[in-house]
Structures are given as structure tokens and as C-alpha cells.
N, C-alpha and C. Protein backbone atom coordinates (compact mmCIF):
# COMPACT_ATOMS: atom_id res chain seq x y z
N MET A 1 -199.79 -22.56 -118.22
CA MET A 1 -198.50 -22.14 -118.71
C MET A 1 -198.23 -20.72 -118.24
N GLU A 2 -197.75 -20.56 -117.03
CA GLU A 2 -197.47 -19.24 -116.52
C GLU A 2 -195.98 -19.11 -116.25
N PHE A 3 -195.35 -18.15 -116.90
CA PHE A 3 -193.96 -17.86 -116.61
C PHE A 3 -193.71 -16.40 -116.91
N ASP A 4 -192.63 -15.91 -116.37
CA ASP A 4 -192.34 -14.49 -116.52
C ASP A 4 -190.91 -14.31 -117.00
N CYS A 5 -190.76 -13.94 -118.25
CA CYS A 5 -189.41 -13.81 -118.81
C CYS A 5 -188.79 -12.46 -118.47
N THR A 6 -189.55 -11.55 -117.85
CA THR A 6 -188.96 -10.25 -117.51
C THR A 6 -188.07 -10.33 -116.29
N LYS A 7 -188.12 -11.41 -115.53
CA LYS A 7 -187.28 -11.55 -114.35
C LYS A 7 -185.92 -12.14 -114.67
N GLU A 8 -185.74 -12.62 -115.89
CA GLU A 8 -184.48 -13.22 -116.29
C GLU A 8 -183.39 -12.16 -116.35
N GLY A 9 -182.16 -12.56 -116.15
CA GLY A 9 -181.04 -11.64 -116.26
C GLY A 9 -180.55 -11.49 -117.68
N LYS A 10 -181.22 -12.15 -118.62
CA LYS A 10 -180.80 -12.15 -120.02
C LYS A 10 -181.64 -11.14 -120.80
N ASN A 11 -181.32 -11.01 -122.06
CA ASN A 11 -182.12 -10.19 -122.96
C ASN A 11 -183.56 -10.74 -122.94
N ILE A 12 -184.51 -9.84 -122.86
CA ILE A 12 -185.92 -10.22 -122.72
C ILE A 12 -186.41 -11.09 -123.88
N TYR A 13 -185.99 -10.79 -125.09
CA TYR A 13 -186.47 -11.53 -126.25
C TYR A 13 -185.92 -12.96 -126.26
N PHE A 14 -184.66 -13.09 -125.88
CA PHE A 14 -184.04 -14.41 -125.78
C PHE A 14 -184.68 -15.20 -124.63
N ALA A 15 -184.83 -14.55 -123.48
CA ALA A 15 -185.38 -15.23 -122.30
C ALA A 15 -186.80 -15.73 -122.57
N CYS A 16 -187.61 -14.94 -123.24
CA CYS A 16 -188.98 -15.36 -123.54
C CYS A 16 -189.01 -16.55 -124.49
N ARG A 17 -188.14 -16.53 -125.50
CA ARG A 17 -188.11 -17.67 -126.43
C ARG A 17 -187.66 -18.94 -125.71
N VAL A 18 -186.62 -18.83 -124.90
CA VAL A 18 -186.11 -20.00 -124.18
C VAL A 18 -187.17 -20.57 -123.24
N LYS A 19 -187.87 -19.71 -122.54
CA LYS A 19 -188.93 -20.19 -121.63
C LYS A 19 -190.08 -20.80 -122.42
N ALA A 20 -190.43 -20.20 -123.56
CA ALA A 20 -191.51 -20.75 -124.38
C ALA A 20 -191.12 -22.10 -124.97
N ALA A 21 -189.82 -22.31 -125.20
CA ALA A 21 -189.33 -23.58 -125.76
C ALA A 21 -189.61 -24.75 -124.82
N LYS A 22 -189.80 -24.48 -123.55
CA LYS A 22 -190.14 -25.55 -122.60
C LYS A 22 -191.51 -26.14 -122.92
N TYR A 23 -192.36 -25.34 -123.59
CA TYR A 23 -193.70 -25.77 -123.93
C TYR A 23 -193.89 -26.01 -125.42
N ASN A 24 -192.94 -25.53 -126.22
CA ASN A 24 -193.02 -25.65 -127.67
C ASN A 24 -191.62 -25.96 -128.21
N ASP A 25 -191.36 -27.22 -128.52
CA ASP A 25 -190.04 -27.65 -128.97
C ASP A 25 -189.56 -26.91 -130.21
N LEU A 26 -190.48 -26.38 -131.02
CA LEU A 26 -190.09 -25.68 -132.23
C LEU A 26 -189.30 -24.40 -131.93
N LEU A 27 -189.39 -23.93 -130.71
CA LEU A 27 -188.72 -22.68 -130.35
C LEU A 27 -187.34 -22.90 -129.75
N ASN A 28 -186.91 -24.17 -129.67
CA ASN A 28 -185.58 -24.47 -129.14
C ASN A 28 -184.46 -23.90 -130.01
N SER A 29 -184.69 -23.83 -131.30
CA SER A 29 -183.65 -23.30 -132.17
C SER A 29 -184.04 -21.92 -132.66
N ARG A 30 -183.07 -21.06 -132.73
CA ARG A 30 -183.27 -19.71 -133.23
C ARG A 30 -183.73 -19.75 -134.68
N GLU A 31 -183.19 -20.71 -135.44
CA GLU A 31 -183.54 -20.82 -136.86
C GLU A 31 -185.03 -21.10 -137.04
N ARG A 32 -185.53 -22.07 -136.29
CA ARG A 32 -186.95 -22.45 -136.42
C ARG A 32 -187.85 -21.33 -135.90
N ALA A 33 -187.44 -20.69 -134.79
CA ALA A 33 -188.24 -19.58 -134.25
C ALA A 33 -188.31 -18.44 -135.25
N ALA A 34 -187.17 -18.14 -135.88
CA ALA A 34 -187.15 -17.07 -136.88
C ALA A 34 -188.07 -17.41 -138.05
N GLU A 35 -188.04 -18.65 -138.46
CA GLU A 35 -188.91 -19.09 -139.56
C GLU A 35 -190.39 -18.91 -139.18
N LEU A 36 -190.75 -19.30 -137.97
CA LEU A 36 -192.13 -19.16 -137.51
C LEU A 36 -192.54 -17.69 -137.39
N LEU A 37 -191.56 -16.83 -137.09
CA LEU A 37 -191.84 -15.40 -136.96
C LEU A 37 -191.84 -14.69 -138.32
N GLY A 38 -191.30 -15.36 -139.33
CA GLY A 38 -191.23 -14.76 -140.65
C GLY A 38 -190.12 -13.72 -140.77
N ILE A 39 -189.06 -13.90 -139.98
CA ILE A 39 -187.91 -13.01 -140.05
C ILE A 39 -186.65 -13.86 -140.25
N SER A 40 -185.56 -13.24 -140.59
CA SER A 40 -184.33 -14.00 -140.79
C SER A 40 -183.72 -14.39 -139.45
N THR A 41 -182.93 -15.43 -139.49
CA THR A 41 -182.25 -15.90 -138.29
C THR A 41 -181.32 -14.81 -137.75
N SER A 42 -180.66 -14.12 -138.64
CA SER A 42 -179.74 -13.05 -138.18
C SER A 42 -180.51 -11.89 -137.53
N THR A 43 -181.69 -11.60 -138.04
CA THR A 43 -182.51 -10.55 -137.43
C THR A 43 -182.92 -10.96 -136.02
N LEU A 44 -183.37 -12.21 -135.87
CA LEU A 44 -183.75 -12.68 -134.55
C LEU A 44 -182.54 -12.68 -133.62
N ALA A 45 -181.40 -13.11 -134.12
CA ALA A 45 -180.17 -13.10 -133.31
C ALA A 45 -179.84 -11.67 -132.86
N ASN A 46 -179.98 -10.72 -133.76
CA ASN A 46 -179.72 -9.32 -133.40
C ASN A 46 -180.65 -8.83 -132.30
N HIS A 47 -181.92 -9.23 -132.36
CA HIS A 47 -182.88 -8.86 -131.31
C HIS A 47 -182.50 -9.51 -129.99
N GLU A 48 -182.19 -10.80 -130.04
CA GLU A 48 -181.90 -11.55 -128.82
C GLU A 48 -180.55 -11.21 -128.20
N LEU A 49 -179.63 -10.72 -128.98
CA LEU A 49 -178.31 -10.36 -128.46
C LEU A 49 -178.20 -8.87 -128.11
N GLY A 50 -179.28 -8.13 -128.35
CA GLY A 50 -179.28 -6.72 -128.02
C GLY A 50 -178.58 -5.84 -129.03
N VAL A 51 -178.27 -6.39 -130.20
CA VAL A 51 -177.62 -5.61 -131.26
C VAL A 51 -178.61 -4.58 -131.81
N THR A 52 -179.86 -5.01 -131.98
CA THR A 52 -180.92 -4.12 -132.46
C THR A 52 -181.38 -3.28 -131.27
N LYS A 53 -181.22 -1.98 -131.37
CA LYS A 53 -181.62 -1.11 -130.27
C LYS A 53 -183.13 -0.89 -130.23
N ASN A 54 -183.77 -0.87 -131.38
CA ASN A 54 -185.21 -0.67 -131.45
C ASN A 54 -185.84 -1.81 -132.24
N VAL A 55 -186.34 -2.79 -131.53
CA VAL A 55 -187.02 -3.92 -132.18
C VAL A 55 -188.35 -3.39 -132.71
N PRO A 56 -188.70 -3.67 -133.96
CA PRO A 56 -189.96 -3.18 -134.51
C PRO A 56 -191.17 -3.70 -133.70
N PRO A 57 -192.13 -2.83 -133.44
CA PRO A 57 -193.30 -3.24 -132.65
C PRO A 57 -194.04 -4.45 -133.22
N ASP A 58 -194.14 -4.54 -134.55
CA ASP A 58 -194.85 -5.68 -135.13
C ASP A 58 -194.12 -6.99 -134.84
N THR A 59 -192.80 -6.94 -134.77
CA THR A 59 -192.02 -8.13 -134.43
C THR A 59 -192.25 -8.52 -132.97
N VAL A 60 -192.33 -7.51 -132.09
CA VAL A 60 -192.60 -7.78 -130.67
C VAL A 60 -193.96 -8.44 -130.52
N VAL A 61 -194.95 -7.95 -131.25
CA VAL A 61 -196.29 -8.53 -131.19
C VAL A 61 -196.26 -9.98 -131.67
N MET A 62 -195.55 -10.24 -132.77
CA MET A 62 -195.46 -11.62 -133.28
C MET A 62 -194.76 -12.53 -132.28
N MET A 63 -193.68 -12.04 -131.67
CA MET A 63 -192.97 -12.83 -130.66
C MET A 63 -193.89 -13.11 -129.47
N SER A 64 -194.56 -12.09 -129.01
CA SER A 64 -195.45 -12.23 -127.87
C SER A 64 -196.54 -13.26 -128.13
N ASP A 65 -197.11 -13.22 -129.33
CA ASP A 65 -198.14 -14.19 -129.69
C ASP A 65 -197.57 -15.60 -129.81
N LEU A 66 -196.45 -15.74 -130.49
CA LEU A 66 -195.85 -17.05 -130.69
C LEU A 66 -195.37 -17.65 -129.38
N TYR A 67 -194.75 -16.82 -128.53
CA TYR A 67 -194.19 -17.30 -127.27
C TYR A 67 -195.24 -17.37 -126.15
N LYS A 68 -196.44 -16.86 -126.45
CA LYS A 68 -197.53 -16.80 -125.47
C LYS A 68 -197.09 -16.02 -124.21
N THR A 69 -196.52 -14.84 -124.47
CA THR A 69 -196.03 -13.98 -123.40
C THR A 69 -196.55 -12.56 -123.58
N PRO A 70 -197.78 -12.28 -123.14
CA PRO A 70 -198.30 -10.92 -123.26
C PRO A 70 -197.45 -9.90 -122.50
N GLU A 71 -196.71 -10.35 -121.50
CA GLU A 71 -195.86 -9.42 -120.77
C GLU A 71 -194.74 -8.86 -121.63
N LEU A 72 -194.42 -9.53 -122.72
CA LEU A 72 -193.40 -9.03 -123.64
C LEU A 72 -193.88 -7.73 -124.30
N ARG A 73 -195.14 -7.68 -124.67
CA ARG A 73 -195.70 -6.46 -125.25
C ARG A 73 -195.69 -5.33 -124.22
N SER A 74 -196.11 -5.64 -123.01
CA SER A 74 -196.13 -4.61 -121.96
C SER A 74 -194.73 -4.12 -121.64
N TYR A 75 -193.79 -5.06 -121.60
CA TYR A 75 -192.40 -4.68 -121.35
C TYR A 75 -191.92 -3.72 -122.42
N TYR A 76 -192.20 -4.05 -123.67
CA TYR A 76 -191.81 -3.19 -124.79
C TYR A 76 -192.43 -1.80 -124.64
N CYS A 77 -193.72 -1.76 -124.35
CA CYS A 77 -194.40 -0.47 -124.22
C CYS A 77 -193.83 0.35 -123.06
N LYS A 78 -193.54 -0.30 -121.97
CA LYS A 78 -193.07 0.39 -120.77
C LYS A 78 -191.61 0.82 -120.87
N HIS A 79 -190.77 0.04 -121.55
CA HIS A 79 -189.34 0.32 -121.53
C HIS A 79 -188.75 0.79 -122.86
N GLU A 80 -189.40 0.50 -123.97
CA GLU A 80 -188.80 0.84 -125.26
C GLU A 80 -189.61 1.84 -126.07
N CYS A 81 -190.87 1.97 -125.78
CA CYS A 81 -191.73 2.89 -126.52
C CYS A 81 -191.80 4.23 -125.78
N PRO A 82 -191.43 5.32 -126.44
CA PRO A 82 -191.46 6.61 -125.74
C PRO A 82 -192.87 7.04 -125.32
N ILE A 83 -193.89 6.56 -126.00
CA ILE A 83 -195.26 6.92 -125.65
C ILE A 83 -195.72 6.18 -124.39
N GLY A 84 -195.35 4.92 -124.27
CA GLY A 84 -195.84 4.10 -123.16
C GLY A 84 -195.04 4.18 -121.88
N ARG A 85 -193.90 4.84 -121.91
CA ARG A 85 -193.01 4.86 -120.74
C ARG A 85 -193.68 5.35 -119.47
N ASN A 86 -194.58 6.29 -119.58
CA ASN A 86 -195.20 6.86 -118.38
C ASN A 86 -196.59 6.31 -118.08
N LEU A 87 -196.99 5.29 -118.81
CA LEU A 87 -198.30 4.70 -118.57
C LEU A 87 -198.23 3.66 -117.46
N PRO A 88 -199.30 3.51 -116.71
CA PRO A 88 -199.32 2.49 -115.65
C PRO A 88 -199.56 1.10 -116.23
N LEU A 89 -198.48 0.46 -116.66
CA LEU A 89 -198.56 -0.87 -117.26
C LEU A 89 -197.75 -1.85 -116.42
N ALA A 90 -198.30 -3.03 -116.23
CA ALA A 90 -197.55 -4.10 -115.58
C ALA A 90 -196.63 -4.72 -116.63
N THR A 91 -195.45 -5.15 -116.22
CA THR A 91 -194.54 -5.80 -117.15
C THR A 91 -194.28 -7.24 -116.76
N GLN A 92 -194.91 -7.68 -115.70
CA GLN A 92 -194.80 -9.08 -115.30
C GLN A 92 -196.08 -9.50 -114.61
N VAL A 93 -196.28 -10.78 -114.53
CA VAL A 93 -197.50 -11.33 -113.93
C VAL A 93 -197.12 -12.04 -112.64
N SER A 94 -197.71 -11.60 -111.53
CA SER A 94 -197.34 -12.19 -110.24
C SER A 94 -198.20 -13.39 -109.89
N GLY A 95 -199.21 -13.66 -110.65
CA GLY A 95 -200.12 -14.77 -110.36
C GLY A 95 -201.45 -14.25 -109.86
N LEU A 96 -202.45 -15.06 -110.00
CA LEU A 96 -203.82 -14.65 -109.67
C LEU A 96 -203.96 -14.18 -108.23
N GLN A 97 -203.33 -14.90 -107.32
CA GLN A 97 -203.45 -14.55 -105.90
C GLN A 97 -202.90 -13.15 -105.63
N GLY A 98 -201.70 -12.87 -106.13
CA GLY A 98 -201.08 -11.56 -105.92
C GLY A 98 -201.86 -10.44 -106.57
N ILE A 99 -202.34 -10.69 -107.78
CA ILE A 99 -203.10 -9.67 -108.50
C ILE A 99 -204.41 -9.37 -107.76
N THR A 100 -205.07 -10.42 -107.30
CA THR A 100 -206.33 -10.24 -106.57
C THR A 100 -206.13 -9.39 -105.33
N VAL A 101 -205.08 -9.67 -104.58
CA VAL A 101 -204.79 -8.90 -103.38
C VAL A 101 -204.56 -7.43 -103.73
N LYS A 102 -203.78 -7.16 -104.78
CA LYS A 102 -203.51 -5.78 -105.19
C LYS A 102 -204.80 -5.05 -105.55
N ILE A 103 -205.64 -5.71 -106.34
CA ILE A 103 -206.88 -5.06 -106.79
C ILE A 103 -207.83 -4.83 -105.62
N LEU A 104 -208.02 -5.85 -104.80
CA LEU A 104 -208.96 -5.69 -103.68
C LEU A 104 -208.46 -4.68 -102.65
N ASN A 105 -207.14 -4.61 -102.45
CA ASN A 105 -206.59 -3.57 -101.56
C ASN A 105 -206.88 -2.19 -102.12
N SER A 106 -206.78 -2.04 -103.42
CA SER A 106 -207.04 -0.75 -104.06
C SER A 106 -208.52 -0.38 -104.03
N LEU A 107 -209.37 -1.39 -103.98
CA LEU A 107 -210.82 -1.15 -104.01
C LEU A 107 -211.47 -1.21 -102.63
N ASP A 108 -210.67 -1.07 -101.59
CA ASP A 108 -211.20 -1.04 -100.22
C ASP A 108 -212.31 0.02 -100.15
N GLU A 109 -213.47 -0.39 -99.65
CA GLU A 109 -214.65 0.50 -99.67
C GLU A 109 -214.41 1.83 -98.97
N ASP A 110 -213.79 1.80 -97.80
CA ASP A 110 -213.53 3.05 -97.08
C ASP A 110 -212.55 3.93 -97.84
N GLY A 111 -211.51 3.30 -98.40
CA GLY A 111 -210.51 4.05 -99.17
C GLY A 111 -211.11 4.66 -100.42
N VAL A 112 -211.94 3.90 -101.12
CA VAL A 112 -212.58 4.40 -102.35
C VAL A 112 -213.53 5.55 -102.00
N ARG A 113 -214.28 5.38 -100.92
CA ARG A 113 -215.22 6.44 -100.49
C ARG A 113 -214.45 7.72 -100.15
N SER A 114 -213.35 7.59 -99.44
CA SER A 114 -212.53 8.73 -99.07
C SER A 114 -211.93 9.40 -100.31
N MET A 115 -211.41 8.58 -101.23
CA MET A 115 -210.82 9.11 -102.46
C MET A 115 -211.89 9.84 -103.28
N LYS A 116 -213.08 9.27 -103.32
CA LYS A 116 -214.19 9.88 -104.08
C LYS A 116 -214.51 11.27 -103.51
N LYS A 117 -214.58 11.37 -102.17
CA LYS A 117 -214.87 12.66 -101.53
C LYS A 117 -213.75 13.67 -101.80
N GLN A 118 -212.50 13.21 -101.69
CA GLN A 118 -211.37 14.09 -101.94
C GLN A 118 -211.40 14.61 -103.38
N LEU A 119 -211.61 13.71 -104.32
CA LEU A 119 -211.62 14.09 -105.73
C LEU A 119 -212.78 15.04 -106.04
N LEU A 120 -213.94 14.77 -105.48
CA LEU A 120 -215.08 15.68 -105.68
C LEU A 120 -214.80 17.06 -105.10
N SER A 121 -214.17 17.09 -103.95
CA SER A 121 -213.82 18.37 -103.32
C SER A 121 -212.83 19.14 -104.18
N ILE A 122 -211.84 18.45 -104.71
CA ILE A 122 -210.84 19.10 -105.57
C ILE A 122 -211.48 19.58 -106.86
N ALA A 123 -212.35 18.77 -107.45
CA ALA A 123 -212.95 19.06 -108.76
C ALA A 123 -214.08 20.08 -108.68
N GLU A 124 -214.56 20.35 -107.51
CA GLU A 124 -215.74 21.20 -107.31
C GLU A 124 -215.65 22.54 -108.05
N ASP A 125 -214.49 23.17 -107.98
CA ASP A 125 -214.35 24.48 -108.63
C ASP A 125 -213.71 24.38 -110.02
N GLY A 126 -213.42 23.15 -110.45
CA GLY A 126 -212.86 22.96 -111.79
C GLY A 126 -211.37 23.23 -111.89
N GLU A 127 -210.73 23.48 -110.77
CA GLU A 127 -209.30 23.76 -110.76
C GLU A 127 -208.60 22.95 -109.68
N ILE A 128 -207.31 22.72 -109.89
CA ILE A 128 -206.49 22.09 -108.86
C ILE A 128 -205.61 23.20 -108.30
N THR A 129 -205.95 23.64 -107.09
CA THR A 129 -205.19 24.73 -106.48
C THR A 129 -203.90 24.19 -105.87
N ALA A 130 -203.00 25.08 -105.54
CA ALA A 130 -201.71 24.69 -104.97
C ALA A 130 -201.88 23.87 -103.70
N ASP A 131 -202.85 24.24 -102.87
CA ASP A 131 -203.05 23.49 -101.62
C ASP A 131 -203.74 22.13 -101.85
N GLU A 132 -204.30 21.91 -103.04
CA GLU A 132 -204.92 20.63 -103.37
C GLU A 132 -203.99 19.70 -104.14
N GLN A 133 -202.89 20.22 -104.65
CA GLN A 133 -202.01 19.47 -105.54
C GLN A 133 -201.48 18.17 -104.91
N GLU A 134 -201.02 18.22 -103.67
CA GLU A 134 -200.46 17.03 -103.03
C GLU A 134 -201.53 15.95 -102.87
N GLU A 135 -202.71 16.35 -102.46
CA GLU A 135 -203.82 15.41 -102.31
C GLU A 135 -204.20 14.81 -103.67
N PHE A 136 -204.25 15.63 -104.71
CA PHE A 136 -204.57 15.17 -106.06
C PHE A 136 -203.51 14.19 -106.55
N ASP A 137 -202.24 14.50 -106.35
CA ASP A 137 -201.16 13.60 -106.75
C ASP A 137 -201.28 12.24 -106.06
N GLY A 138 -201.70 12.25 -104.79
CA GLY A 138 -201.90 11.00 -104.06
C GLY A 138 -203.02 10.16 -104.66
N ILE A 139 -204.08 10.80 -105.08
CA ILE A 139 -205.20 10.10 -105.71
C ILE A 139 -204.74 9.48 -107.03
N VAL A 140 -204.03 10.26 -107.83
CA VAL A 140 -203.53 9.76 -109.11
C VAL A 140 -202.61 8.56 -108.88
N LYS A 141 -201.75 8.64 -107.88
CA LYS A 141 -200.84 7.53 -107.59
C LYS A 141 -201.60 6.27 -107.20
N GLU A 142 -202.62 6.41 -106.37
CA GLU A 142 -203.44 5.26 -105.99
C GLU A 142 -204.15 4.65 -107.20
N LEU A 143 -204.65 5.48 -108.08
CA LEU A 143 -205.33 4.98 -109.27
C LEU A 143 -204.36 4.33 -110.25
N GLU A 144 -203.12 4.81 -110.29
CA GLU A 144 -202.11 4.18 -111.14
C GLU A 144 -201.75 2.79 -110.62
N ILE A 145 -201.73 2.61 -109.30
CA ILE A 145 -201.49 1.29 -108.72
C ILE A 145 -202.60 0.33 -109.15
N LEU A 146 -203.84 0.80 -109.10
CA LEU A 146 -204.98 -0.01 -109.54
C LEU A 146 -204.89 -0.31 -111.03
N ALA A 147 -204.55 0.69 -111.83
CA ALA A 147 -204.44 0.50 -113.29
C ALA A 147 -203.36 -0.53 -113.62
N THR A 148 -202.26 -0.50 -112.91
CA THR A 148 -201.18 -1.47 -113.14
C THR A 148 -201.65 -2.87 -112.79
N ALA A 149 -202.35 -3.00 -111.67
CA ALA A 149 -202.88 -4.32 -111.27
C ALA A 149 -203.89 -4.83 -112.30
N ILE A 150 -204.69 -3.94 -112.84
CA ILE A 150 -205.66 -4.34 -113.86
C ILE A 150 -204.94 -4.79 -115.13
N SER A 151 -203.87 -4.10 -115.52
CA SER A 151 -203.13 -4.53 -116.71
C SER A 151 -202.47 -5.89 -116.47
N GLU A 152 -202.06 -6.14 -115.25
CA GLU A 152 -201.48 -7.45 -114.91
C GLU A 152 -202.55 -8.54 -115.00
N LEU A 153 -203.76 -8.24 -114.55
CA LEU A 153 -204.86 -9.20 -114.64
C LEU A 153 -205.21 -9.47 -116.10
N ARG A 154 -205.16 -8.45 -116.93
CA ARG A 154 -205.44 -8.64 -118.36
C ARG A 154 -204.40 -9.56 -119.01
N MET A 155 -203.12 -9.39 -118.63
CA MET A 155 -202.07 -10.26 -119.17
C MET A 155 -202.30 -11.70 -118.73
N LEU A 156 -202.67 -11.88 -117.47
CA LEU A 156 -202.94 -13.23 -116.97
C LEU A 156 -204.10 -13.86 -117.74
N ALA A 157 -205.13 -13.07 -117.97
CA ALA A 157 -206.28 -13.57 -118.72
C ALA A 157 -205.87 -13.99 -120.14
N GLU A 158 -205.00 -13.22 -120.77
CA GLU A 158 -204.52 -13.56 -122.12
C GLU A 158 -203.78 -14.89 -122.13
N LYS A 159 -203.01 -15.14 -121.09
CA LYS A 159 -202.24 -16.37 -121.02
C LYS A 159 -203.15 -17.60 -121.01
N PHE A 160 -204.33 -17.47 -120.45
CA PHE A 160 -205.23 -18.61 -120.32
C PHE A 160 -206.31 -18.66 -121.37
N GLN A 161 -206.35 -17.67 -122.28
CA GLN A 161 -207.35 -17.68 -123.35
C GLN A 161 -207.03 -18.71 -124.43
N LYS A 162 -205.78 -18.95 -124.68
CA LYS A 162 -205.40 -19.78 -125.82
C LYS A 162 -205.23 -21.21 -125.47
């Protein structure tokens, strides 16, 4: 059961429920979904129609669990939570093949060895000097790409645990 509701042109909460309804008939109606989530139908409608500007995190977690969409939690953290906005989080799952390519490209032995030497050179004196800043930023960017791919792999693993 792999699908990605973040690619839909609709509200993310509505799109995830509709996609989950393909696998769980109980989610076809907003009323039944709201009942399963333990919230009112009008509250769910407000979330799905974008009336609610800040959906409570506990509701997002319940939706994510019920709809079997871990990417919904990541999407919330990346786009709606002020703390998570700058974290390297994946918000969609590209599939095992794509994730594997991203991770293995990031873990290229020569690239990792070079990055390790650069980082050790920068860290040697305990400071990041002005002439080291660009190189340091490049290392951080490469590691963020790897961190994002790892978060995508974790979401994929969650989808197949249940």
C-alpha cells in the first residue's frame, strides 16, 4: 500500500483520506472517518477544507496512523510546524528504488572520504573561518540530502510495518 497524498492538488488532509479510502471503505465518508478519529464531522471538514489554519498535532498523528500515511506527519512538521520547517525531512516517498539511489549516491566512498577530510580540516582548530565557510556549507548541504533520504526510507519502512 504505497501512495503519496502530498502530490495531490487538493488539501493534504482530504487527499490522504480519499487515497486511504481506496484501501479502507470506512474512510469513504467524512462522518465515519471523523468518528474513527474521535473528532466531530465539522472539525474534520474544517481541516479538509482548509478552514482550520493550524490543525492540532495530535489530530495529524491520528490521521496519519488511521490513513497509514507517515508522510502526513512529515508534511505537517515541514510545512506547518515552526520548529520543523528548517529540518531535513522528506514529505513524500519516492519508492524503494529512488530512495536507495539517493542514499547510495550520498554514501559514495570517495565522496565520503573527501567530506571527512574536509570536515576534519575545518574542525581542526575548533573554528569555522571565513575562508572555510563555503566548504562547510557544502558539507552541511550534502549531509542534509542524506538526512532527507533517510527520513524518506523511515517513512517507507513505516508503511510496510503494519
